[in-house]
Amino acid sequence: MLEGLTPKNPTHVMRLNSDERTARAVADIVMETFDPNETAAAAFENEAEGRWGTEVYFADAPDEEAMRALIRETVSEHAARALTFETIAEKDWVKASLDGLSIVEAGRFRVHGAHDRNRIGVNSIGIEIEAALAFGTGHHGTTRGCLLMLDHILKRRRPRHVIDIGTGTGVLAIAAAHALRAAVASGDIDPVTVDAARSNAELNRASAFVRPVVAKGVSHPALMMSHHYDFVFANILARPLIRLAPSIAKIASPDADIVLSGLLAHDVPGVVNAYGLQGWHLQKRINLDGWATLLLHRVAGHPLKRM
């Protein structure tokens, strides 16, 4: 799994070879503890060795003793002792973010790198992500979960107005734009990430439909349209999702589907409660790689507050 935005000019990496449970635990605790704008974690299976690995990339040199202490207290003494730290070149990070990873399959969607461009079937919707642009390739359970939710919705209806809040690499917005052949509003708080999403939209011939903007939540004129959105993506993290609950509820139409992700299992009750207070209830849940993706729909008869 992959989680976090590309650290600005990553310079160091922490590695661990372990069993699957330990690898996932280390990646999860790092992403819960550190700013995802500055730290990115990956847990993955090494099929050749029959083991799992964890890699954590840092924008600045980490405090090695503090990291060992964190893993010792939250995971195990053995894992803490097995950590290794290295200095890396930026070009190594760029390659590591996509090269060698397999095609991600999520319903009709296929997320891939340039090296797999010719392997996408004619009946599939391919989304190509350029490794040099951003971190977030679709291999993480949250992105796959959102794509599977989109595929689920498309089997019963075609949304007319879609927004992707916290768009990251733009994968979800691009997928929706290709499936619907319609404009998809999108934004992210990080200007570097927005540039990456714009480049990915151009790479996927979706720039006419996907024009990401720098925005905190939905606070941008391009996102505050006269209509209300009948499909909302927000693949962020639990705390910002809870803070955004009132504003997301206000931009959503009465019949909207809201897809939320970036959640560990223990995050789900708090997020569901926050949106329940706004009139939205849990309709479907997908669990992948220890992460939850939620589909919310409006509670019948609940009054909606409009902006």
Protein backbone atom coordinates (compact mmCIF):
# COMPACT_ATOMS: atom_id res chain seq x y z
CA MET A 1 0.00 0.00 0.00
CA LEU A 2 1.05 3.59 -0.51
CA GLU A 3 0.02 6.55 1.57
CA GLY A 4 0.99 10.21 1.73
CA LEU A 5 1.91 12.96 -0.68
CA THR A 6 5.35 13.19 -2.12
CA PRO A 7 7.60 14.88 0.45
CA LYS A 8 9.15 18.08 -0.84
CA ASN A 9 12.65 17.12 -2.03
CA PRO A 10 12.82 13.80 -0.13
CA THR A 11 16.29 13.15 1.19
CA HIS A 12 16.06 10.11 3.49
CA VAL A 13 14.35 6.74 3.62
CA MET A 14 13.71 4.33 6.50
CA ARG A 15 13.35 0.65 5.57
CA LEU A 16 12.20 -2.50 7.32
CA ASN A 17 11.92 -6.13 6.18
CA SER A 18 9.35 -8.04 8.22
CA ASP A 19 6.14 -10.04 8.17
CA GLU A 20 2.97 -8.51 6.71
CA ARG A 21 1.41 -7.53 10.03
CA THR A 22 4.51 -5.67 11.18
CA ALA A 23 4.97 -3.94 7.82
CA ARG A 24 1.42 -2.62 7.81
CA ALA A 25 1.61 -1.58 11.47
CA VAL A 26 4.79 0.46 10.93
CA ALA A 27 3.39 2.19 7.82
CA ASP A 28 0.12 2.97 9.60
CA ILE A 29 1.70 4.43 12.73
CA VAL A 30 4.01 6.63 10.65
CA MET A 31 1.10 8.03 8.64
CA GLU A 32 -0.93 8.65 11.79
CA THR A 33 1.97 10.42 13.50
CA PHE A 34 3.60 12.56 10.83
CA ASP A 35 2.43 15.24 8.40
CA PRO A 36 1.63 13.47 5.08
CA ASN A 37 2.94 16.52 3.22
CA GLU A 38 6.40 15.79 4.61
CA THR A 39 6.43 12.01 5.09
CA ALA A 40 5.21 9.16 2.88
CA ALA A 41 4.98 5.48 3.80
CA ALA A 42 4.71 2.30 1.74
CA ALA A 43 4.09 -1.29 2.84
CA PHE A 44 4.43 -3.91 0.12
CA GLU A 45 4.95 -7.61 -0.48
CA ASN A 46 8.22 -8.89 -1.89
CA GLU A 47 7.00 -12.03 -3.64
CA ALA A 48 10.49 -13.20 -4.55
CA GLU A 49 11.56 -13.27 -0.90
CA GLY A 50 8.20 -14.20 0.60
CA ARG A 51 8.51 -11.26 3.00
CA TRP A 52 7.06 -7.78 3.38
CA GLY A 53 8.86 -4.46 3.31
CA THR A 54 8.15 -1.01 4.67
CA GLU A 55 9.63 2.19 3.26
CA VAL A 56 9.18 5.62 4.80
CA TYR A 57 10.38 8.68 2.88
CA PHE A 58 11.25 11.93 4.66
CA ALA A 59 11.63 15.47 3.36
CA ASP A 60 14.26 16.10 6.07
CA ALA A 61 16.66 13.89 8.01
CA PRO A 62 14.63 11.97 10.62
CA ASP A 63 15.61 11.59 14.26
CA GLU A 64 16.66 7.95 14.10
CA GLU A 65 16.52 7.34 17.83
CA ALA A 66 13.08 8.94 18.06
CA MET A 67 11.84 6.77 15.20
CA ARG A 68 13.16 3.62 16.86
CA ALA A 69 11.51 4.66 20.12
CA LEU A 70 8.17 5.23 18.35
CA ILE A 71 8.25 1.82 16.66
CA ARG A 72 9.46 0.15 19.86
CA GLU A 73 6.52 1.57 21.83
CA THR A 74 3.82 1.02 19.22
CA VAL A 75 4.92 -2.08 17.28
CA SER A 76 7.76 -4.13 18.80
CA GLU A 77 11.34 -4.07 20.03
CA HIS A 78 12.36 -6.40 17.22
CA ALA A 79 10.95 -4.07 14.55
CA ALA A 80 12.67 -1.06 16.12
CA ARG A 81 16.06 -2.80 16.06
CA ALA A 82 15.59 -3.92 12.43
CA LEU A 83 15.02 -0.41 11.03
CA THR A 84 17.62 0.90 8.61
CA PHE A 85 18.12 4.50 7.49
CA GLU A 86 19.62 5.76 4.24
CA THR A 87 20.21 8.98 2.36
CA ILE A 88 18.58 8.93 -1.08
CA ALA A 89 18.71 10.95 -4.27
CA GLU A 90 15.48 12.49 -5.53
CA LYS A 91 15.66 10.51 -8.76
CA ASP A 92 15.55 7.29 -6.73
CA TRP A 93 12.28 8.43 -5.10
CA VAL A 94 10.77 9.30 -8.47
CA LYS A 95 11.41 5.82 -9.82
CA ALA A 96 10.30 4.14 -6.61
CA SER A 97 6.87 5.74 -6.76
CA LEU A 98 5.74 3.79 -9.82
CA ASP A 99 8.37 1.74 -11.66
CA GLY A 100 7.86 -1.98 -11.33
CA LEU A 101 4.41 -1.71 -9.75
CA SER A 102 1.67 -3.73 -11.38
CA ILE A 103 -1.50 -2.40 -12.98
CA VAL A 104 -4.15 -1.54 -10.39
CA GLU A 105 -7.53 -3.06 -11.24
CA ALA A 106 -10.67 -1.54 -9.71
CA GLY A 107 -13.84 -2.53 -11.53
CA ARG A 108 -13.62 -1.10 -15.03
CA PHE A 109 -10.69 1.16 -14.08
CA ARG A 110 -6.99 0.41 -14.57
CA VAL A 111 -4.32 2.66 -13.03
CA HIS A 112 -0.93 2.14 -14.65
CA GLY A 113 2.46 3.56 -15.48
CA ALA A 114 3.83 4.35 -18.92
CA HIS A 115 5.48 0.92 -19.06
CA ASP A 116 2.02 -0.74 -19.02
CA ARG A 117 0.31 1.66 -21.42
CA ASN A 118 -0.17 -0.99 -24.10
CA ARG A 119 -1.59 -3.58 -21.71
CA ILE A 120 -4.91 -1.84 -21.04
CA GLY A 121 -7.89 -3.62 -22.61
CA VAL A 122 -10.28 -1.83 -24.92
CA ASN A 123 -13.17 -2.30 -22.47
CA SER A 124 -11.24 -0.82 -19.55
CA ILE A 125 -10.71 2.81 -18.57
CA GLY A 126 -6.98 3.41 -18.18
CA ILE A 127 -5.51 6.17 -16.03
CA GLU A 128 -1.80 6.70 -16.51
CA ILE A 129 0.17 8.28 -13.67
CA GLU A 130 3.61 9.68 -14.38
CA ALA A 131 6.03 8.67 -11.64
CA ALA A 132 7.93 11.93 -11.68
CA LEU A 133 4.86 14.01 -10.94
CA ALA A 134 3.41 12.88 -7.64
CA PHE A 135 3.01 10.19 -5.04
CA GLY A 136 -0.27 8.31 -5.16
CA THR A 137 -0.53 5.69 -7.86
CA GLY A 138 -3.75 3.89 -7.06
CA HIS A 139 -2.02 1.02 -5.28
CA HIS A 140 -3.14 2.29 -1.91
CA GLY A 141 -6.35 0.78 -0.53
CA THR A 142 -8.04 4.18 -0.21
CA THR A 143 -7.67 5.03 -3.91
CA ARG A 144 -8.73 1.57 -5.02
CA GLY A 145 -11.68 1.74 -2.66
CA CYS A 146 -12.83 5.04 -4.16
CA LEU A 147 -12.51 3.70 -7.70
CA LEU A 148 -14.52 0.62 -6.75
CA MET A 149 -17.20 2.85 -5.23
CA LEU A 150 -17.33 4.89 -8.44
CA ASP A 151 -17.67 1.70 -10.47
CA HIS A 152 -20.48 0.59 -8.13
CA ILE A 153 -22.37 3.87 -8.59
CA LEU A 154 -21.94 3.84 -12.36
CA LYS A 155 -23.75 0.51 -12.55
CA ARG A 156 -26.95 2.19 -11.38
CA ARG A 157 -26.73 5.81 -12.46
CA ARG A 158 -24.62 8.49 -14.18
CA PRO A 159 -23.79 11.44 -11.89
CA ARG A 160 -24.08 14.85 -13.54
CA HIS A 161 -22.00 17.03 -11.24
CA VAL A 162 -18.89 15.52 -9.60
CA ILE A 163 -16.30 17.03 -7.26
CA ASP A 164 -13.02 15.55 -6.00
CA ILE A 165 -11.91 17.23 -2.77
CA GLY A 166 -8.24 16.69 -1.94
CA THR A 167 -7.60 15.46 -5.46
CA GLY A 168 -3.93 14.49 -4.97
CA THR A 169 -2.63 13.05 -8.24
CA GLY A 170 -6.06 13.55 -9.82
CA VAL A 171 -6.67 9.83 -10.31
CA LEU A 172 -10.28 9.91 -9.09
CA ALA A 173 -11.22 13.05 -10.99
CA ILE A 174 -9.67 11.70 -14.20
CA ALA A 175 -11.42 8.35 -13.78
CA ALA A 176 -14.81 10.05 -13.32
CA ALA A 177 -14.21 12.41 -16.24
CA HIS A 178 -13.37 9.55 -18.60
CA ALA A 179 -16.31 7.43 -17.45
CA LEU A 180 -18.84 10.26 -17.69
CA ARG A 181 -17.27 12.36 -20.47
CA ALA A 182 -18.08 15.37 -18.32
CA ALA A 183 -16.32 18.06 -16.31
CA VAL A 184 -15.23 17.12 -12.79
CA ALA A 185 -14.43 19.84 -10.26
CA SER A 186 -11.31 19.20 -8.18
CA GLY A 187 -9.02 20.91 -5.72
CA ASP A 188 -6.22 20.33 -3.27
CA ILE A 189 -4.58 22.40 -0.55
CA ASP A 190 -1.06 21.73 -1.89
CA PRO A 191 0.01 23.77 -4.97
CA VAL A 192 2.63 21.16 -5.95
CA THR A 193 0.00 18.45 -5.89
CA VAL A 194 -2.37 20.58 -7.98
CA ASP A 195 0.35 21.04 -10.60
CA ALA A 196 0.82 17.26 -10.63
CA ALA A 197 -2.91 16.66 -11.03
CA ARG A 198 -3.07 19.12 -13.93
CA SER A 199 -0.16 17.36 -15.62
CA ASN A 200 -1.81 13.98 -15.10
CA ALA A 201 -5.06 15.30 -16.56
CA GLU A 202 -3.17 16.48 -19.64
CA LEU A 203 -1.31 13.17 -19.89
CA ASN A 204 -4.67 11.35 -19.86
CA ARG A 205 -6.30 13.72 -22.36
CA ALA A 206 -8.71 14.90 -19.70
CA SER A 207 -7.53 18.49 -19.26
CA ALA A 208 -10.74 19.79 -20.88
CA PHE A 209 -12.72 18.11 -18.10
CA VAL A 210 -10.35 18.23 -15.10
CA ARG A 211 -8.90 21.60 -14.08
CA PRO A 212 -7.74 21.33 -10.46
CA VAL A 213 -7.44 24.45 -8.31
CA VAL A 214 -5.57 25.22 -5.10
CA ALA A 215 -8.25 25.19 -2.41
CA LYS A 216 -8.73 24.46 1.26
CA GLY A 217 -11.69 22.11 1.23
CA VAL A 218 -14.31 23.62 -1.07
CA SER A 219 -13.37 27.27 -0.48
CA HIS A 220 -12.64 28.32 -4.06
CA PRO A 221 -14.95 30.09 -6.55
CA ALA A 222 -14.38 27.34 -9.13
CA LEU A 223 -15.75 24.78 -6.68
CA MET A 224 -18.71 26.82 -5.43
CA MET A 225 -20.91 26.39 -8.49
CA SER A 226 -24.57 27.38 -8.82
CA HIS A 227 -25.55 23.70 -8.88
CA HIS A 228 -25.06 21.19 -6.10
CA TYR A 229 -22.89 18.12 -6.59
CA ASP A 230 -24.59 14.74 -6.88
CA PHE A 231 -21.31 12.81 -6.43
CA VAL A 232 -18.58 13.84 -3.99
CA PHE A 233 -15.13 12.30 -3.55
CA ALA A 234 -13.06 13.20 -0.47
CA ASN A 235 -10.07 10.89 -0.03
CA ILE A 236 -8.15 12.74 2.67
CA LEU A 237 -7.74 11.79 6.35
CA ALA A 238 -10.18 11.49 9.24
CA ARG A 239 -9.60 14.85 10.94
CA PRO A 240 -10.03 17.04 7.85
CA LEU A 241 -13.00 14.93 6.76
CA ILE A 242 -14.73 15.60 10.08
CA ARG A 243 -13.95 19.34 9.85
CA LEU A 244 -15.30 19.44 6.30
CA ALA A 245 -18.56 17.62 7.08
CA PRO A 246 -20.76 20.77 7.22
CA SER A 247 -19.33 22.30 4.03
CA ILE A 248 -19.45 19.01 2.10
CA ALA A 249 -23.05 18.46 3.17
CA LYS A 250 -23.95 21.94 1.96
CA ILE A 251 -22.53 21.52 -1.54
CA ALA A 252 -24.14 18.09 -2.01
CA SER A 253 -27.52 17.69 -3.67
CA PRO A 254 -30.31 15.88 -1.77
CA ASP A 255 -29.76 12.72 -3.84
CA ALA A 256 -25.94 12.84 -3.77
CA ASP A 257 -23.58 9.97 -3.13
CA ILE A 258 -20.64 10.98 -0.91
CA VAL A 259 -17.53 8.77 -1.00
CA LEU A 260 -15.06 9.27 1.85
CA SER A 261 -11.71 7.55 2.36
CA GLY A 262 -8.30 7.88 3.98
CA LEU A 263 -9.69 6.15 7.07
CA LEU A 264 -8.34 3.48 9.35
CA ALA A 265 -10.92 1.24 11.02
CA HIS A 266 -10.94 3.21 14.27
CA ASP A 267 -11.61 6.45 12.34
CA VAL A 268 -14.89 5.25 10.86
CA PRO A 269 -17.31 5.79 13.80
CA GLY A 270 -16.26 9.41 14.30
CA VAL A 271 -16.53 10.22 10.59
CA VAL A 272 -19.90 8.48 10.23
CA ASN A 273 -21.19 10.39 13.27
CA ALA A 274 -19.98 13.75 11.90
CA TYR A 275 -21.81 13.22 8.61
CA GLY A 276 -24.81 11.71 10.36
CA LEU A 277 -25.29 15.04 12.11
CA GLN A 278 -25.50 16.61 8.64
CA GLY A 279 -28.15 14.15 7.43
CA TRP A 280 -26.03 11.50 5.71
CA HIS A 281 -25.87 7.82 6.63
CA LEU A 282 -23.55 4.95 5.78
CA GLN A 283 -24.79 2.92 2.80
CA LYS A 284 -21.75 0.82 1.84
CA ARG A 285 -18.24 0.19 3.14
CA ILE A 286 -15.18 -1.28 1.42
CA ASN A 287 -12.17 -2.44 3.45
CA LEU A 288 -8.85 -2.78 1.64
CA ASP A 289 -5.37 -3.17 3.13
CA GLY A 290 -6.57 -2.02 6.53
CA TRP A 291 -8.24 1.13 5.13
CA ALA A 292 -11.94 1.92 4.85
CA THR A 293 -13.84 3.64 2.05
CA LEU A 294 -17.37 4.79 2.86
CA LEU A 295 -20.38 5.51 0.67
CA LEU A 296 -22.87 7.86 2.33
CA HIS A 297 -26.38 8.77 1.27
CA ARG A 298 -28.86 11.25 2.67
CA VAL A 299 -31.24 10.22 5.43
CA ALA A 300 -34.79 10.61 4.05
CA GLY A 301 -36.59 13.58 5.51
CA HIS A 302 -33.52 15.14 7.11
CA PRO A 303 -33.49 18.93 6.53
CA LEU A 304 -30.53 20.16 4.49
CA LYS A 305 -28.78 23.43 5.25
CA ARG A 306 -27.93 25.31 2.08
CA MET A 307 -25.14 27.84 1.53
